[in-house]
């Protein structure tokens, strides 16, 4: 069974109209995309790579990362 974690993303629109995501839960996570959805997808890939790096180096994951429970709620952005 795979492990899945929840991290909080901070997403803001930057001057060029794109979106920038960072996370206090996972230091080093920075992702930028043309849309919120694209930015979230890039952030997810960056988060995976950062977590792999933590594990490859034997470092513990940041304590603010939470394992996803069996049942949970999430806000889903939907563009029209």
Protein backbone atom coordinates (compact mmCIF):
# COMPACT_ATOMS: atom_id res chain seq x y z
CA UNK A 1 0.00 0.00 0.00
CA UNK A 2 1.38 3.40 -0.94
CA UNK A 3 1.82 6.18 1.56
CA UNK A 4 0.08 9.44 0.80
CA UNK A 5 0.60 12.71 2.61
CA UNK A 6 -1.22 16.00 2.73
CA UNK A 7 0.64 19.28 2.59
CA UNK A 8 -0.77 22.79 2.61
CA UNK A 9 0.00 24.84 -0.52
CA UNK A 10 0.13 28.62 -0.69
CA UNK A 11 -0.82 29.69 -4.23
CA UNK A 12 -0.63 33.26 -5.46
CA UNK A 13 -0.98 34.88 -8.84
CA UNK A 14 2.23 36.64 -9.83
CA UNK A 15 2.80 39.71 -12.01
CA UNK A 16 3.03 37.80 -15.31
CA UNK A 17 -0.41 36.23 -14.67
CA UNK A 18 0.97 32.80 -13.78
CA UNK A 19 0.57 31.09 -10.41
CA UNK A 20 3.27 30.36 -7.84
CA UNK A 21 2.95 27.63 -5.21
CA UNK A 22 5.05 27.24 -2.07
CA UNK A 23 4.56 25.23 1.10
CA UNK A 24 5.51 25.85 4.71
CA UNK A 25 4.96 22.10 5.27
CA UNK A 26 7.65 21.08 2.78
CA UNK A 27 10.57 23.54 2.66
CA UNK A 28 12.03 23.90 -0.82
CA UNK A 29 8.77 23.33 -2.64
CA UNK A 30 8.34 25.97 -5.33
CA UNK A 31 6.20 25.45 -8.43
CA UNK A 32 4.93 27.82 -11.10
CA UNK A 33 2.34 27.24 -13.81
CA UNK A 34 -0.01 28.99 -16.21
CA UNK A 35 -3.14 27.81 -14.37
CA UNK A 36 -3.96 26.81 -10.81
CA UNK A 37 -4.42 23.19 -11.94
CA UNK A 38 -1.09 23.11 -13.75
CA UNK A 39 0.62 24.70 -10.75
CA UNK A 40 -0.86 22.09 -8.40
CA UNK A 41 0.26 19.25 -10.69
CA UNK A 42 3.80 20.64 -10.84
CA UNK A 43 3.79 21.14 -7.06
CA UNK A 44 2.77 17.50 -6.59
CA UNK A 45 5.70 16.34 -8.75
CA UNK A 46 8.12 18.61 -6.88
CA UNK A 47 6.79 17.33 -3.54
CA UNK A 48 7.36 13.71 -4.63
CA UNK A 49 10.93 14.49 -5.61
CA UNK A 50 11.62 16.30 -2.34
CA UNK A 51 10.18 13.40 -0.32
CA UNK A 52 12.30 10.92 -2.32
CA UNK A 53 15.37 13.04 -1.54
CA UNK A 54 14.55 13.04 2.18
CA UNK A 55 14.25 9.25 2.10
CA UNK A 56 17.36 8.70 -0.06
CA UNK A 57 19.41 10.69 2.46
CA UNK A 58 17.83 9.02 5.50
CA UNK A 59 16.33 12.28 6.71
CA UNK A 60 12.99 12.34 8.54
CA UNK A 61 10.07 13.97 6.76
CA UNK A 62 9.02 17.36 8.10
CA UNK A 63 6.70 16.96 11.09
CA UNK A 64 4.03 19.18 9.55
CA UNK A 65 3.35 16.64 6.79
CA UNK A 66 0.24 14.61 7.56
CA UNK A 67 -0.63 11.13 6.35
CA UNK A 68 -3.93 11.16 4.52
CA UNK A 69 -6.61 9.31 6.50
CA UNK A 70 -9.07 6.86 4.95
CA UNK A 71 -11.72 9.58 4.67
CA UNK A 72 -10.96 13.25 4.12
CA UNK A 73 -12.24 16.46 2.55
CA UNK A 74 -10.46 18.71 0.08
CA UNK A 75 -11.34 21.89 -1.80
CA UNK A 76 -11.10 21.30 -5.56
CA UNK A 77 -10.55 24.28 -7.87
CA UNK A 78 -12.67 24.05 -11.03
CA UNK A 79 -12.14 26.48 -13.88
CA UNK A 80 -14.86 27.42 -16.34
